[in-house]
Amino acid sequence: MSRPRFAPSDPQRQLVKSLAAYGIRQEEIAGKIGVSAKTLRRYFREELDRGATDANAQVAQTMYKMAKSGKSPAATMFWLKCRAGWRQNGRVGREATETPPFVVQVIKGPEPPA
């Protein structure tokens, strides 16, 4: 007699999505649910794929609100550096990320005695 077909419940779906959002490995999530990693991927593909994306979107939204509020200068600077391309030197855009040319300086030692 074969094993009954797995039928995921809504609470299991929410748990998988949350654990995926936290960065838990699929093998560990499968163990928590009580299925194999293959079964997890088969029945919870959307939750695995969207969990981390949804979490990142929520954190980005919070960071954006903090940066806009003016109450968190660190959040504002983080946002400007990461999203707006700002750098410490004040230059913005492509020239801010260009590597300076490599310069070789030849240093001569003392002249040998004649």
PDB file of N, CA and C in Angstrom:
ATOM      1  N   MET A   1       0.835  -1.171   0.000  1.00  0.00           N
ATOM      2  CA  MET A   1       0.000   0.000   0.000  1.00  0.00           C
ATOM      3  C   MET A   1       0.885   1.241   0.000  1.00  0.00           C
ATOM      4  N   SER A   2       0.552   2.206  -0.824  1.00  0.00           N
ATOM      5  CA  SER A   2       1.375   3.399  -0.946  1.00  0.00           C
ATOM      6  C   SER A   2       0.997   4.438   0.104  1.00  0.00           C
ATOM      7  N   ARG A   3       1.918   5.321   0.309  1.00  0.00           N
ATOM      8  CA  ARG A   3       1.735   6.416   1.255  1.00  0.00           C
ATOM      9  C   ARG A   3       0.695   7.396   0.700  1.00  0.00           C
ATOM     10  N   PRO A   4      -0.133   8.002   1.565  1.00  0.00           N
ATOM     11  CA  PRO A   4      -1.116   8.971   1.063  1.00  0.00           C
ATOM     12  C   PRO A   4      -0.421  10.216   0.503  1.00  0.00           C
ATOM     13  N   ARG A   5      -1.027  10.806  -0.490  1.00  0.00           N
ATOM     14  CA  ARG A   5      -0.470  11.989  -1.151  1.00  0.00           C
ATOM     15  C   ARG A   5      -0.419  13.147  -0.159  1.00  0.00           C
ATOM     16  N   PHE A   6       0.686  13.874  -0.172  1.00  0.00           N
ATOM     17  CA  PHE A   6       0.863  15.012   0.739  1.00  0.00           C
ATOM     18  C   PHE A   6      -0.054  16.158   0.316  1.00  0.00           C
ATOM     19  N   ALA A   7      -0.702  16.776   1.294  1.00  0.00           N
ATOM     20  CA  ALA A   7      -1.574  17.927   1.039  1.00  0.00           C
ATOM     21  C   ALA A   7      -1.176  19.040   2.005  1.00  0.00           C
ATOM     22  N   PRO A   8      -0.490  20.080   1.505  1.00  0.00           N
ATOM     23  CA  PRO A   8      -0.034  21.154   2.390  1.00  0.00           C
ATOM     24  C   PRO A   8      -1.194  21.974   2.942  1.00  0.00           C
ATOM     25  N   SER A   9      -1.056  22.360   4.197  1.00  0.00           N
ATOM     26  CA  SER A   9      -2.083  23.193   4.838  1.00  0.00           C
ATOM     27  C   SER A   9      -1.667  24.663   4.766  1.00  0.00           C
ATOM     28  N   ASP A  10      -2.616  25.548   5.000  1.00  0.00           N
ATOM     29  CA  ASP A  10      -2.307  26.989   4.991  1.00  0.00           C
ATOM     30  C   ASP A  10      -1.287  27.358   6.073  1.00  0.00           C
ATOM     31  N   PRO A  11      -1.411  26.830   7.306  1.00  0.00           N
ATOM     32  CA  PRO A  11      -0.381  27.150   8.302  1.00  0.00           C
ATOM     33  C   PRO A  11       1.017  26.663   7.888  1.00  0.00           C
ATOM     34  N   GLN A  12       1.100  25.501   7.225  1.00  0.00           N
ATOM     35  CA  GLN A  12       2.388  25.012   6.733  1.00  0.00           C
ATOM     36  C   GLN A  12       2.946  25.952   5.668  1.00  0.00           C
ATOM     37  N   ARG A  13       2.081  26.427   4.784  1.00  0.00           N
ATOM     38  CA  ARG A  13       2.519  27.359   3.746  1.00  0.00           C
ATOM     39  C   ARG A  13       3.085  28.634   4.371  1.00  0.00           C
ATOM     40  N   GLN A  14       2.403  29.148   5.376  1.00  0.00           N
ATOM     41  CA  GLN A  14       2.874  30.370   6.039  1.00  0.00           C
ATOM     42  C   GLN A  14       4.208  30.123   6.748  1.00  0.00           C
ATOM     43  N   LEU A  15       4.347  28.974   7.399  1.00  0.00           N
ATOM     44  CA  LEU A  15       5.580  28.640   8.089  1.00  0.00           C
ATOM     45  C   LEU A  15       6.742  28.536   7.094  1.00  0.00           C
ATOM     46  N   VAL A  16       6.519  27.849   5.979  1.00  0.00           N
ATOM     47  CA  VAL A  16       7.569  27.699   4.973  1.00  0.00           C
ATOM     48  C   VAL A  16       7.979  29.070   4.438  1.00  0.00           C
ATOM     49  N   LYS A  17       7.004  29.918   4.149  1.00  0.00           N
ATOM     50  CA  LYS A  17       7.315  31.249   3.622  1.00  0.00           C
ATOM     51  C   LYS A  17       8.121  32.053   4.642  1.00  0.00           C
ATOM     52  N   SER A  18       7.748  31.983   5.901  1.00  0.00           N
ATOM     53  CA  SER A  18       8.475  32.706   6.945  1.00  0.00           C
ATOM     54  C   SER A  18       9.895  32.183   7.097  1.00  0.00           C
ATOM     55  N   LEU A  19      10.053  30.872   7.158  1.00  0.00           N
ATOM     56  CA  LEU A  19      11.384  30.296   7.325  1.00  0.00           C
ATOM     57  C   LEU A  19      12.274  30.606   6.126  1.00  0.00           C
ATOM     58  N   ALA A  20      11.700  30.584   4.921  1.00  0.00           N
ATOM     59  CA  ALA A  20      12.469  30.943   3.729  1.00  0.00           C
ATOM     60  C   ALA A  20      12.883  32.413   3.803  1.00  0.00           C
ATOM     61  N   ALA A  21      11.995  33.261   4.309  1.00  0.00           N
ATOM     62  CA  ALA A  21      12.309  34.684   4.449  1.00  0.00           C
ATOM     63  C   ALA A  21      13.450  34.900   5.430  1.00  0.00           C
ATOM     64  N   TYR A  22      13.542  34.070   6.455  1.00  0.00           N
ATOM     65  CA  TYR A  22      14.603  34.204   7.456  1.00  0.00           C
ATOM     66  C   TYR A  22      15.934  33.648   6.966  1.00  0.00           C
ATOM     67  N   GLY A  23      15.911  32.969   5.809  1.00  0.00           N
ATOM     68  CA  GLY A  23      17.149  32.433   5.254  1.00  0.00           C
ATOM     69  C   GLY A  23      17.468  31.017   5.702  1.00  0.00           C
ATOM     70  N   ILE A  24      16.479  30.314   6.235  1.00  0.00           N
ATOM     71  CA  ILE A  24      16.692  28.932   6.674  1.00  0.00           C
ATOM     72  C   ILE A  24      16.845  28.035   5.440  1.00  0.00           C
ATOM     73  N   ARG A  25      17.779  27.113   5.486  1.00  0.00           N
ATOM     74  CA  ARG A  25      18.025  26.205   4.361  1.00  0.00           C
ATOM     75  C   ARG A  25      16.819  25.309   4.102  1.00  0.00           C
ATOM     76  N   GLN A  26      16.623  24.945   2.846  1.00  0.00           N
ATOM     77  CA  GLN A  26      15.466  24.133   2.458  1.00  0.00           C
ATOM     78  C   GLN A  26      15.436  22.779   3.168  1.00  0.00           C
ATOM     79  N   GLU A  27      16.598  22.190   3.373  1.00  0.00           N
ATOM     80  CA  GLU A  27      16.643  20.891   4.060  1.00  0.00           C
ATOM     81  C   GLU A  27      16.127  21.026   5.494  1.00  0.00           C
ATOM     82  N   GLU A  28      16.458  22.144   6.139  1.00  0.00           N
ATOM     83  CA  GLU A  28      15.999  22.363   7.512  1.00  0.00           C
ATOM     84  C   GLU A  28      14.506  22.666   7.549  1.00  0.00           C
ATOM     85  N   ILE A  29      14.017  23.406   6.571  1.00  0.00           N
ATOM     86  CA  ILE A  29      12.581  23.695   6.493  1.00  0.00           C
ATOM     87  C   ILE A  29      11.818  22.396   6.280  1.00  0.00           C
ATOM     88  N   ALA A  30      12.331  21.537   5.387  1.00  0.00           N
ATOM     89  CA  ALA A  30      11.686  20.253   5.116  1.00  0.00           C
ATOM     90  C   ALA A  30      11.591  19.418   6.391  1.00  0.00           C
ATOM     91  N   GLY A  31      12.667  19.409   7.170  1.00  0.00           N
ATOM     92  CA  GLY A  31      12.648  18.671   8.432  1.00  0.00           C
ATOM     93  C   GLY A  31      11.616  19.217   9.401  1.00  0.00           C
ATOM     94  N   LYS A  32      11.472  20.522   9.444  1.00  0.00           N
ATOM     95  CA  LYS A  32      10.490  21.152  10.328  1.00  0.00           C
ATOM     96  C   LYS A  32       9.068  20.785   9.916  1.00  0.00           C
ATOM     97  N   ILE A  33       8.817  20.719   8.603  1.00  0.00           N
ATOM     98  CA  ILE A  33       7.491  20.373   8.082  1.00  0.00           C
ATOM     99  C   ILE A  33       7.246  18.866   8.146  1.00  0.00           C
ATOM    100  N   GLY A  34       8.334  18.089   8.127  1.00  0.00           N
ATOM    101  CA  GLY A  34       8.206  16.628   8.172  1.00  0.00           C
ATOM    102  C   GLY A  34       8.101  15.989   6.800  1.00  0.00           C
ATOM    103  N   VAL A  35       8.741  16.624   5.805  1.00  0.00           N
ATOM    104  CA  VAL A  35       8.739  16.079   4.449  1.00  0.00           C
ATOM    105  C   VAL A  35      10.176  16.083   3.933  1.00  0.00           C
ATOM    106  N   SER A  36      10.371  15.468   2.774  1.00  0.00           N
ATOM    107  CA  SER A  36      11.703  15.501   2.160  1.00  0.00           C
ATOM    108  C   SER A  36      11.907  16.860   1.495  1.00  0.00           C
ATOM    109  N   ALA A  37      13.152  17.188   1.212  1.00  0.00           N
ATOM    110  CA  ALA A  37      13.454  18.446   0.525  1.00  0.00           C
ATOM    111  C   ALA A  37      12.805  18.462  -0.858  1.00  0.00           C
ATOM    112  N   LYS A  38      12.759  17.312  -1.512  1.00  0.00           N
ATOM    113  CA  LYS A  38      12.126  17.225  -2.832  1.00  0.00           C
ATOM    114  C   LYS A  38      10.632  17.525  -2.737  1.00  0.00           C
ATOM    115  N   THR A  39       9.967  16.977  -1.740  1.00  0.00           N
ATOM    116  CA  THR A  39       8.538  17.236  -1.541  1.00  0.00           C
ATOM    117  C   THR A  39       8.305  18.700  -1.187  1.00  0.00           C
ATOM    118  N   LEU A  40       9.188  19.236  -0.364  1.00  0.00           N
ATOM    119  CA  LEU A  40       9.084  20.656  -0.008  1.00  0.00           C
ATOM    120  C   LEU A  40       9.108  21.523  -1.265  1.00  0.00           C
ATOM    121  N   ARG A  41      10.090  21.288  -2.130  1.00  0.00           N
ATOM    122  CA  ARG A  41      10.208  22.083  -3.356  1.00  0.00           C
ATOM    123  C   ARG A  41       9.019  21.874  -4.290  1.00  0.00           C
ATOM    124  N   ARG A  42       8.460  20.670  -4.295  1.00  0.00           N
ATOM    125  CA  ARG A  42       7.329  20.370  -5.179  1.00  0.00           C
ATOM    126  C   ARG A  42       6.056  21.082  -4.731  1.00  0.00           C
ATOM    127  N   TYR A  43       5.780  21.091  -3.440  1.00  0.00           N
ATOM    128  CA  TYR A  43       4.508  21.612  -2.951  1.00  0.00           C
ATOM    129  C   TYR A  43       4.571  23.041  -2.422  1.00  0.00           C
ATOM    130  N   PHE A  44       5.759  23.547  -2.175  1.00  0.00           N
ATOM    131  CA  PHE A  44       5.892  24.884  -1.584  1.00  0.00           C
ATOM    132  C   PHE A  44       6.777  25.793  -2.444  1.00  0.00           C
ATOM    133  N   ARG A  45       6.822  25.568  -3.756  1.00  0.00           N
ATOM    134  CA  ARG A  45       7.697  26.338  -4.641  1.00  0.00           C
ATOM    135  C   ARG A  45       7.449  27.841  -4.513  1.00  0.00           C
ATOM    136  N   GLU A  46       6.205  28.271  -4.548  1.00  0.00           N
ATOM    137  CA  GLU A  46       5.899  29.704  -4.489  1.00  0.00           C
ATOM    138  C   GLU A  46       6.348  30.309  -3.160  1.00  0.00           C
ATOM    139  N   GLU A  47       6.114  29.618  -2.070  1.00  0.00           N
ATOM    140  CA  GLU A  47       6.506  30.129  -0.757  1.00  0.00           C
ATOM    141  C   GLU A  47       8.028  30.237  -0.643  1.00  0.00           C
ATOM    142  N   LEU A  48       8.735  29.254  -1.181  1.00  0.00           N
ATOM    143  CA  LEU A  48      10.198  29.288  -1.151  1.00  0.00           C
ATOM    144  C   LEU A  48      10.737  30.437  -2.001  1.00  0.00           C
ATOM    145  N   ASP A  49      10.121  30.643  -3.158  1.00  0.00           N
ATOM    146  CA  ASP A  49      10.590  31.692  -4.069  1.00  0.00           C
ATOM    147  C   ASP A  49      10.247  33.095  -3.576  1.00  0.00           C
ATOM    148  N   ARG A  50       9.085  33.260  -2.988  1.00  0.00           N
ATOM    149  CA  ARG A  50       8.624  34.595  -2.617  1.00  0.00           C
ATOM    150  C   ARG A  50       8.964  34.996  -1.197  1.00  0.00           C
ATOM    151  N   GLY A  51       9.304  34.056  -0.334  1.00  0.00           N
ATOM    152  CA  GLY A  51       9.563  34.369   1.064  1.00  0.00           C
ATOM    153  C   GLY A  51      10.640  35.422   1.251  1.00  0.00           C
ATOM    154  N   ALA A  52      11.803  35.203   0.673  1.00  0.00           N
ATOM    155  CA  ALA A  52      12.920  36.142   0.833  1.00  0.00           C
ATOM    156  C   ALA A  52      12.626  37.469   0.133  1.00  0.00           C
ATOM    157  N   THR A  53      11.993  37.409  -1.029  1.00  0.00           N
ATOM    158  CA  THR A  53      11.670  38.635  -1.759  1.00  0.00           C
ATOM    159  C   THR A  53      10.704  39.500  -0.963  1.00  0.00           C
ATOM    160  N   ASP A  54       9.672  38.896  -0.403  1.00  0.00           N
ATOM    161  CA  ASP A  54       8.707  39.654   0.394  1.00  0.00           C
ATOM    162  C   ASP A  54       9.356  40.249   1.639  1.00  0.00           C
ATOM    163  N   ALA A  55      10.230  39.488   2.291  1.00  0.00           N
ATOM    164  CA  ALA A  55      10.924  40.000   3.477  1.00  0.00           C
ATOM    165  C   ALA A  55      11.824  41.175   3.106  1.00  0.00           C
ATOM    166  N   ASN A  56      12.578  41.046   2.015  1.00  0.00           N
ATOM    167  CA  ASN A  56      13.440  42.143   1.567  1.00  0.00           C
ATOM    168  C   ASN A  56      12.631  43.385   1.235  1.00  0.00           C
ATOM    169  N   ALA A  57      11.471  43.200   0.636  1.00  0.00           N
ATOM    170  CA  ALA A  57      10.612  44.334   0.294  1.00  0.00           C
ATOM    171  C   ALA A  57      10.121  45.036   1.566  1.00  0.00           C
ATOM    172  N   GLN A  58       9.753  44.283   2.589  1.00  0.00           N
ATOM    173  CA  GLN A  58       9.284  44.875   3.842  1.00  0.00           C
ATOM    174  C   GLN A  58      10.397  45.637   4.548  1.00  0.00           C
ATOM    175  N   VAL A  59      11.586  45.067   4.572  1.00  0.00           N
ATOM    176  CA  VAL A  59      12.725  45.742   5.208  1.00  0.00           C
ATOM    177  C   VAL A  59      13.096  46.999   4.424  1.00  0.00           C
ATOM    178  N   ALA A  60      13.068  46.914   3.100  1.00  0.00           N
ATOM    179  CA  ALA A  60      13.366  48.085   2.279  1.00  0.00           C
ATOM    180  C   ALA A  60      12.335  49.182   2.511  1.00  0.00           C
ATOM    181  N   GLN A  61      11.087  48.815   2.662  1.00  0.00           N
ATOM    182  CA  GLN A  61      10.041  49.795   2.935  1.00  0.00           C
ATOM    183  C   GLN A  61      10.284  50.489   4.274  1.00  0.00           C
ATOM    184  N   THR A  62      10.664  49.726   5.281  1.00  0.00           N
ATOM    185  CA  THR A  62      10.969  50.306   6.588  1.00  0.00           C
ATOM    186  C   THR A  62      12.175  51.237   6.496  1.00  0.00           C
ATOM    187  N   MET A  63      13.228  50.800   5.795  1.00  0.00           N
ATOM    188  CA  MET A  63      14.417  51.635   5.635  1.00  0.00           C
ATOM    189  C   MET A  63      14.070  52.925   4.906  1.00  0.00           C
ATOM    190  N   TYR A  64      13.247  52.835   3.885  1.00  0.00           N
ATOM    191  CA  TYR A  64      12.841  54.003   3.117  1.00  0.00           C
ATOM    192  C   TYR A  64      12.085  54.993   4.012  1.00  0.00           C
ATOM    193  N   LYS A  65      11.174  54.482   4.814  1.00  0.00           N
ATOM    194  CA  LYS A  65      10.424  55.352   5.725  1.00  0.00           C
ATOM    195  C   LYS A  65      11.354  56.014   6.740  1.00  0.00           C
ATOM    196  N   MET A  66      12.316  55.265   7.252  1.00  0.00           N
ATOM    197  CA  MET A  66      13.277  55.824   8.204  1.00  0.00           C
ATOM    198  C   MET A  66      14.121  56.907   7.545  1.00  0.00           C
ATOM    199  N   ALA A  67      14.558  56.658   6.318  1.00  0.00           N
ATOM    200  CA  ALA A  67      15.392  57.622   5.603  1.00  0.00           C
ATOM    201  C   ALA A  67      14.614  58.897   5.307  1.00  0.00           C
ATOM    202  N   LYS A  68      13.350  58.758   4.928  1.00  0.00           N
ATOM    203  CA  LYS A  68      12.527  59.923   4.610  1.00  0.00           C
ATOM    204  C   LYS A  68      12.139  60.735   5.842  1.00  0.00           C
ATOM    205  N   SER A  69      12.064  60.089   6.989  1.00  0.00           N
ATOM    206  CA  SER A  69      11.584  60.765   8.198  1.00  0.00           C
ATOM    207  C   SER A  69      12.546  61.852   8.679  1.00  0.00           C
ATOM    208  N   GLY A  70      13.825  61.699   8.380  1.00  0.00           N
ATOM    209  CA  GLY A  70      14.817  62.649   8.874  1.00  0.00           C
ATOM    210  C   GLY A  70      15.232  62.363  10.305  1.00  0.00           C
ATOM    211  N   LYS A  71      14.653  61.348  10.911  1.00  0.00           N
ATOM    212  CA  LYS A  71      14.969  61.007  12.296  1.00  0.00           C
ATOM    213  C   LYS A  71      16.120  60.012  12.400  1.00  0.00           C
ATOM    214  N   SER A  72      16.523  59.475  11.271  1.00  0.00           N
ATOM    215  CA  SER A  72      17.596  58.492  11.275  1.00  0.00           C
ATOM    216  C   SER A  72      18.627  58.862  10.208  1.00  0.00           C
ATOM    217  N   PRO A  73      19.604  59.703  10.563  1.00  0.00           N
ATOM    218  CA  PRO A  73      20.623  60.088   9.575  1.00  0.00           C
ATOM    219  C   PRO A  73      21.369  58.890   8.995  1.00  0.00           C
ATOM    220  N   ALA A  74      21.585  57.863   9.804  1.00  0.00           N
ATOM    221  CA  ALA A  74      22.295  56.680   9.308  1.00  0.00           C
ATOM    222  C   ALA A  74      21.488  56.008   8.204  1.00  0.00           C
ATOM    223  N   ALA A  75      20.181  55.905   8.393  1.00  0.00           N
ATOM    224  CA  ALA A  75      19.329  55.298   7.367  1.00  0.00           C
ATOM    225  C   ALA A  75      19.334  56.149   6.103  1.00  0.00           C
ATOM    226  N   THR A  76      19.311  57.467   6.275  1.00  0.00           N
ATOM    227  CA  THR A  76      19.330  58.370   5.124  1.00  0.00           C
ATOM    228  C   THR A  76      20.626  58.203   4.341  1.00  0.00           C
ATOM    229  N   MET A  77      21.768  58.197   5.022  1.00  0.00           N
ATOM    230  CA  MET A  77      23.051  58.041   4.346  1.00  0.00           C
ATOM    231  C   MET A  77      23.168  56.664   3.693  1.00  0.00           C
ATOM    232  N   PHE A  78      22.704  55.632   4.381  1.00  0.00           N
ATOM    233  CA  PHE A  78      22.735  54.287   3.811  1.00  0.00           C
ATOM    234  C   PHE A  78      21.946  54.258   2.510  1.00  0.00           C
ATOM    235  N   TRP A  79      20.750  54.833   2.539  1.00  0.00           N
ATOM    236  CA  TRP A  79      19.901  54.836   1.347  1.00  0.00           C
ATOM    237  C   TRP A  79      20.584  55.593   0.206  1.00  0.00           C
ATOM    238  N   LEU A  80      21.135  56.759   0.511  1.00  0.00           N
ATOM    239  CA  LEU A  80      21.766  57.553  -0.537  1.00  0.00           C
ATOM    240  C   LEU A  80      22.988  56.859  -1.126  1.00  0.00           C
ATOM    241  N   LYS A  81      23.778  56.210  -0.287  1.00  0.00           N
ATOM    242  CA  LYS A  81      24.968  55.517  -0.781  1.00  0.00           C
ATOM    243  C   LYS A  81      24.595  54.276  -1.594  1.00  0.00           C
ATOM    244  N   CYS A  82      23.631  53.512  -1.104  1.00  0.00           N
ATOM    245  CA  CYS A  82      23.288  52.253  -1.765  1.00  0.00           C
ATOM    246  C   CYS A  82      22.363  52.446  -2.964  1.00  0.00           C
ATOM    247  N   ARG A  83      21.419  53.353  -2.844  1.00  0.00           N
ATOM    248  CA  ARG A  83      20.408  53.490  -3.880  1.00  0.00           C
ATOM    249  C   ARG A  83      20.630  54.671  -4.820  1.00  0.00           C
ATOM    250  N   ALA A  84      21.232  55.751  -4.308  1.00  0.00           N
ATOM    251  CA  ALA A  84      21.398  56.943  -5.131  1.00  0.00           C
ATOM    252  C   ALA A  84      22.821  57.091  -5.659  1.00  0.00           C
ATOM    253  N   GLY A  85      23.713  56.184  -5.299  1.00  0.00           N
ATOM    254  CA  GLY A  85      25.066  56.204  -5.832  1.00  0.00           C
ATOM    255  C   GLY A  85      25.985  57.217  -5.180  1.00  0.00           C
ATOM    256  N   TRP A  86      25.610  57.749  -4.041  1.00  0.00           N
ATOM    257  CA  TRP A  86      26.474  58.717  -3.362  1.00  0.00           C
ATOM    258  C   TRP A  86      27.717  58.026  -2.824  1.00  0.00           C
ATOM    259  N   ARG A  87      28.824  58.782  -2.767  1.00  0.00           N
ATOM    260  CA  ARG A  87      30.082  58.289  -2.214  1.00  0.00           C
ATOM    261  C   ARG A  87      30.628  59.330  -1.257  1.00  0.00           C
ATOM    262  N   GLN A  88      31.578  58.950  -0.445  1.00  0.00           N
ATOM    263  CA  GLN A  88      32.174  59.853   0.533  1.00  0.00           C
ATOM    264  C   GLN A  88      32.820  61.077  -0.107  1.00  0.00           C
ATOM    265  N   ASN A  89      33.375  60.912  -1.308  1.00  0.00           N
ATOM    266  CA  ASN A  89      34.073  62.011  -1.950  1.00  0.00           C
ATOM    267  C   ASN A  89      33.115  63.029  -2.579  1.00  0.00           C
ATOM    268  N   GLY A  90      31.829  62.773  -2.505  1.00  0.00           N
ATOM    269  CA  GLY A  90      30.844  63.711  -3.006  1.00  0.00           C
ATOM    270  C   GLY A  90      30.521  63.568  -4.478  1.00  0.00           C
ATOM    271  N   ARG A  91      31.294  62.766  -5.207  1.00  0.00           N
ATOM    272  CA  ARG A  91      31.001  62.572  -6.628  1.00  0.00           C
ATOM    273  C   ARG A  91      29.897  61.541  -6.775  1.00  0.00           C
ATOM    274  N   VAL A  92      29.056  61.755  -7.748  1.00  0.00           N
ATOM    275  CA  VAL A  92      27.942  60.853  -7.999  1.00  0.00           C
ATOM    276  C   VAL A  92      28.079  60.295  -9.405  1.00  0.00           C
ATOM    277  N   GLY A  93      27.706  59.042  -9.543  1.00  0.00           N
ATOM    278  CA  GLY A  93      27.641  58.459 -10.866  1.00  0.00           C
ATOM    279  C   GLY A  93      28.882  57.692 -11.258  1.00  0.00           C
ATOM    280  N   ARG A  94      29.070  57.574 -12.559  1.00  0.00           N
ATOM    281  CA  ARG A  94      30.113  56.713 -13.113  1.00  0.00           C
ATOM    282  C   ARG A  94      31.509  57.101 -12.649  1.00  0.00           C
ATOM    283  N   GLU A  95      31.827  58.403 -12.667  1.00  0.00           N
ATOM    284  CA  GLU A  95      33.191  58.779 -12.306  1.00  0.00           C
ATOM    285  C   GLU A  95      33.505  58.473 -10.850  1.00  0.00           C
ATOM    286  N   ALA A  96      32.473  58.317 -10.024  1.00  0.00           N
ATOM    287  CA  ALA A  96      32.702  58.006  -8.614  1.00  0.00           C
ATOM    288  C   ALA A  96      33.222  56.583  -8.444  1.00  0.00           C
ATOM    289  N   THR A  97      32.952  55.715  -9.404  1.00  0.00           N
ATOM    290  CA  THR A  97      33.350  54.314  -9.257  1.00  0.00           C
ATOM    291  C   THR A  97      34.541  53.937 -10.126  1.00  0.00           C
ATOM    292  N   GLU A  98      35.032  54.875 -10.935  1.00  0.00           N
ATOM    293  CA  GLU A  98      36.168  54.554 -11.787  1.00  0.00           C
ATOM    294  C   GLU A  98      37.423  54.350 -10.947  1.00  0.00           C
ATOM    295  N   THR A  99      38.236  53.414 -11.372  1.00  0.00           N
ATOM    296  CA  THR A  99      39.495  53.145 -10.697  1.00  0.00           C
ATOM    297  C   THR A  99      40.534  54.155 -11.167  1.00  0.00           C
ATOM    298  N   PRO A 100      41.247  54.778 -10.226  1.00  0.00           N
ATOM    299  CA  PRO A 100      42.264  55.733 -10.672  1.00  0.00           C
ATOM    300  C   PRO A 100      43.352  55.002 -11.442  1.00  0.00           C
ATOM    301  N   PRO A 101      44.031  55.721 -12.365  1.00  0.00           N
ATOM    302  CA  PRO A 101      45.087  55.064 -13.143  1.00  0.00           C
ATOM    303  C   PRO A 101      46.211  54.599 -12.230  1.00  0.00           C
ATOM    304  N   PHE A 102      46.817  53.497 -12.603  1.00  0.00           N
ATOM    305  CA  PHE A 102      47.913  52.928 -11.833  1.00  0.00           C
ATOM    306  C   PHE A 102      49.170  53.743 -12.096  1.00  0.00           C
ATOM    307  N   VAL A 103      49.799  54.202 -11.046  1.00  0.00           N
ATOM    308  CA  VAL A 103      50.987  55.046 -11.177  1.00  0.00           C
ATOM    309  C   VAL A 103      52.166  54.322 -10.546  1.00  0.00           C
ATOM    310  N   VAL A 104      53.253  54.255 -11.280  1.00  0.00           N
ATOM    311  CA  VAL A 104      54.468  53.644 -10.764  1.00  0.00           C
ATOM    312  C   VAL A 104      55.482  54.758 -10.549  1.00  0.00           C
ATOM    313  N   GLN A 105      56.029  54.826  -9.369  1.00  0.00           N
ATOM    314  CA  GLN A 105      57.048  55.832  -9.076  1.00  0.00           C
ATOM    315  C   GLN A 105      58.354  55.091  -8.833  1.00  0.00           C
ATOM    316  N   VAL A 106      59.374  55.470  -9.592  1.00  0.00           N
ATOM    317  CA  VAL A 106      60.676  54.837  -9.450  1.00  0.00           C
ATOM    318  C   VAL A 106      61.462  55.644  -8.431  1.00  0.00           C
ATOM    319  N   ILE A 107      61.865  54.972  -7.391  1.00  0.00           N
ATOM    320  CA  ILE A 107      62.669  55.634  -6.348  1.00  0.00           C
ATOM    321  C   ILE A 107      64.086  55.128  -6.484  1.00  0.00           C
ATOM    322  N   LYS A 108      64.995  56.051  -6.727  1.00  0.00           N
ATOM    323  CA  LYS A 108      66.390  55.668  -6.879  1.00  0.00           C
ATOM    324  C   LYS A 108      67.076  55.747  -5.522  1.00  0.00           C
ATOM    325  N   GLY A 109      67.905  54.790  -5.288  1.00  0.00           N
ATOM    326  CA  GLY A 109      68.687  54.783  -4.060  1.00  0.00           C
ATOM    327  C   GLY A 109      69.903  55.687  -4.206  1.00  0.00           C
ATOM    328  N   PRO A 110      70.761  55.708  -3.200  1.00  0.00           N
ATOM    329  CA  PRO A 110      71.965  56.542  -3.285  1.00  0.00           C
ATOM    330  C   PRO A 110      72.857  56.069  -4.433  1.00  0.00           C
ATOM    331  N   GLU A 111      73.527  56.984  -5.043  1.00  0.00           N
ATOM    332  CA  GLU A 111      74.450  56.656  -6.128  1.00  0.00           C
ATOM    333  C   GLU A 111      75.612  55.855  -5.572  1.00  0.00           C
ATOM    334  N   PRO A 112      76.048  54.818  -6.283  1.00  0.00           N
ATOM    335  CA  PRO A 112      77.208  54.060  -5.790  1.00  0.00           C
ATOM    336  C   PRO A 112      78.474  54.896  -5.899  1.00  0.00           C
ATOM    337  N   PRO A 113      79.419  54.679  -4.993  1.00  0.00           N
ATOM    338  CA  PRO A 113      80.662  55.469  -5.067  1.00  0.00           C
ATOM    339  C   PRO A 113      81.411  55.193  -6.356  1.00  0.00           C
ATOM    340  N   ALA A 114      82.047  56.210  -6.889  1.00  0.00           N
ATOM    341  CA  ALA A 114      82.752  56.095  -8.178  1.00  0.00           C
ATOM    342  C   ALA A 114      84.142  55.551  -8.031  1.00  0.00           C
TER     343      ALA A 114
END
